[in-house]
Amino acid sequence: MRMTSPQIMAAMIACALSIPATCNAQADAAKIFNANCSLCHSSNGSGDTPTGKALHAKDLRSDEVQKEEDAALNAAITKGKGKMPAFGAKLKADDVTKLVAYIRQLQKQK
């Protein structure tokens, strides 16, 4: 199937319009993370904060955390786990999903 010039132009515009949405989603996730998670997990996910050290917060960049299924990370954020409080009443389900994706990116920044 051969694309015509208008079809190619429409595809290029659609791609260009999706880039800011992706960037905004990542920026939103970073804001949510910094507002709710960085006290214990630090802004880089290492858990290397005074509170994180006291509570033995997990390094979110670690293989142990990164091997977890998305559903398990979602449940930990929503329902809490160990000393970590539940954020299900505070965060929307969409925001929790954004956080899981953000946590996945932390390992790449390590």
Protein backbone atom coordinates (compact mmCIF):
# COMPACT_ATOMS: atom_id res chain seq x y z
CA MET A 1 0.00 0.00 0.00
CA ARG A 2 1.42 3.32 -1.05
CA MET A 3 0.79 6.42 1.04
CA THR A 4 -0.11 9.69 -0.60
CA SER A 5 1.42 13.02 0.39
CA PRO A 6 -1.61 14.05 2.51
CA GLN A 7 -1.48 10.69 4.35
CA ILE A 8 2.24 11.09 5.02
CA MET A 9 1.72 14.65 6.26
CA ALA A 10 -1.13 13.53 8.54
CA ALA A 11 1.05 10.76 9.99
CA MET A 12 3.90 13.20 10.63
CA ILE A 13 1.57 15.65 12.38
CA ALA A 14 0.12 12.88 14.54
CA CYS A 15 3.62 11.82 15.61
CA ALA A 16 4.66 15.38 16.37
CA LEU A 17 1.57 15.97 18.47
CA SER A 18 2.15 12.83 20.54
CA ILE A 19 5.67 13.87 21.67
CA PRO A 20 4.54 16.68 24.03
CA ALA A 21 1.93 14.36 25.57
CA THR A 22 4.62 11.79 26.34
CA CYS A 23 6.90 14.44 27.82
CA ASN A 24 4.05 15.82 29.93
CA ALA A 25 3.20 12.36 31.26
CA GLN A 26 6.83 11.86 32.34
CA ALA A 27 6.92 15.32 33.93
CA ASP A 28 3.66 14.59 35.76
CA ALA A 29 5.02 11.28 37.04
CA ALA A 30 8.19 12.99 38.29
CA LYS A 31 6.09 15.57 40.16
CA ILE A 32 3.93 12.84 41.70
CA PHE A 33 7.04 10.86 42.67
CA ASN A 34 8.79 13.86 44.21
CA ALA A 35 5.67 14.87 46.14
CA ASN A 36 4.87 11.40 47.52
CA CYS A 37 7.87 9.09 47.29
CA SER A 38 11.12 11.05 47.47
CA LEU A 39 11.01 11.58 51.25
CA CYS A 40 11.85 7.91 51.69
CA HIS A 41 13.09 6.78 48.28
CA SER A 42 14.97 10.02 47.37
CA SER A 43 14.52 11.81 44.07
CA ASN A 44 16.68 9.21 42.28
CA GLY A 45 14.90 6.20 43.80
CA SER A 46 17.93 5.01 45.79
CA GLY A 47 16.30 5.18 49.23
CA ASP A 48 19.36 7.09 50.39
CA THR A 49 17.61 9.66 52.59
CA PRO A 50 17.59 9.84 56.39
CA THR A 51 13.98 8.65 56.45
CA GLY A 52 14.64 6.01 53.81
CA LYS A 53 17.63 4.67 55.73
CA ALA A 54 15.66 4.59 58.99
CA LEU A 55 12.81 2.69 57.35
CA HIS A 56 15.07 0.53 55.14
CA ALA A 57 13.30 1.82 52.02
CA LYS A 58 14.01 -0.24 48.94
CA ASP A 59 16.25 1.07 46.20
CA LEU A 60 13.70 1.33 43.42
CA ARG A 61 16.49 1.04 40.85
CA SER A 62 17.55 -2.38 42.15
CA ASP A 63 17.10 -5.60 40.22
CA GLU A 64 14.89 -6.86 43.06
CA VAL A 65 12.35 -4.07 42.53
CA GLN A 66 12.71 -3.91 38.76
CA LYS A 67 11.94 -7.64 38.45
CA GLU A 68 8.56 -7.12 40.14
CA GLU A 69 5.50 -7.29 37.91
CA ASP A 70 3.73 -3.99 37.26
CA ALA A 71 0.72 -5.33 39.16
CA ALA A 72 2.87 -5.98 42.24
CA LEU A 73 4.33 -2.47 42.16
CA ASN A 74 0.86 -1.05 41.63
CA ALA A 75 -0.43 -3.00 44.65
CA ALA A 76 2.48 -1.88 46.83
CA ILE A 77 1.81 1.76 45.99
CA THR A 78 -1.96 1.46 46.33
CA LYS A 79 -2.20 -0.79 49.40
CA GLY A 80 1.18 -0.23 51.02
CA LYS A 81 3.73 -2.87 51.88
CA GLY A 82 5.71 -3.39 55.06
CA LYS A 83 6.48 0.05 56.48
CA MET A 84 5.39 1.79 53.28
CA PRO A 85 1.99 3.45 53.66
CA ALA A 86 -0.88 2.97 51.22
CA PHE A 87 -1.39 5.74 48.68
CA GLY A 88 -4.58 4.36 47.11
CA ALA A 89 -6.80 6.90 48.83
CA LYS A 90 -4.48 9.78 47.90
CA LEU A 91 -3.57 8.98 44.28
CA LYS A 92 -5.75 8.28 41.26
CA ALA A 93 -5.31 4.89 39.58
CA ASP A 94 -3.87 6.65 36.51
CA ASP A 95 -1.27 8.37 38.70
CA VAL A 96 -0.25 5.04 40.22
CA THR A 97 0.20 3.65 36.71
CA LYS A 98 2.37 6.67 35.86
CA LEU A 99 4.45 6.03 38.99
CA VAL A 100 5.05 2.42 38.01
CA ALA A 101 6.28 3.56 34.58
CA TYR A 102 8.45 6.21 36.27
CA ILE A 103 9.97 3.61 38.61
CA ARG A 104 10.86 1.52 35.54
CA GLN A 105 12.80 4.51 34.17
CA LEU A 106 14.80 5.00 37.36
CA GLN A 107 16.98 1.95 36.71
CA LYS A 108 18.04 3.40 33.37
CA GLN A 109 19.22 6.57 35.12
CA LYS A 110 21.32 4.65 37.67
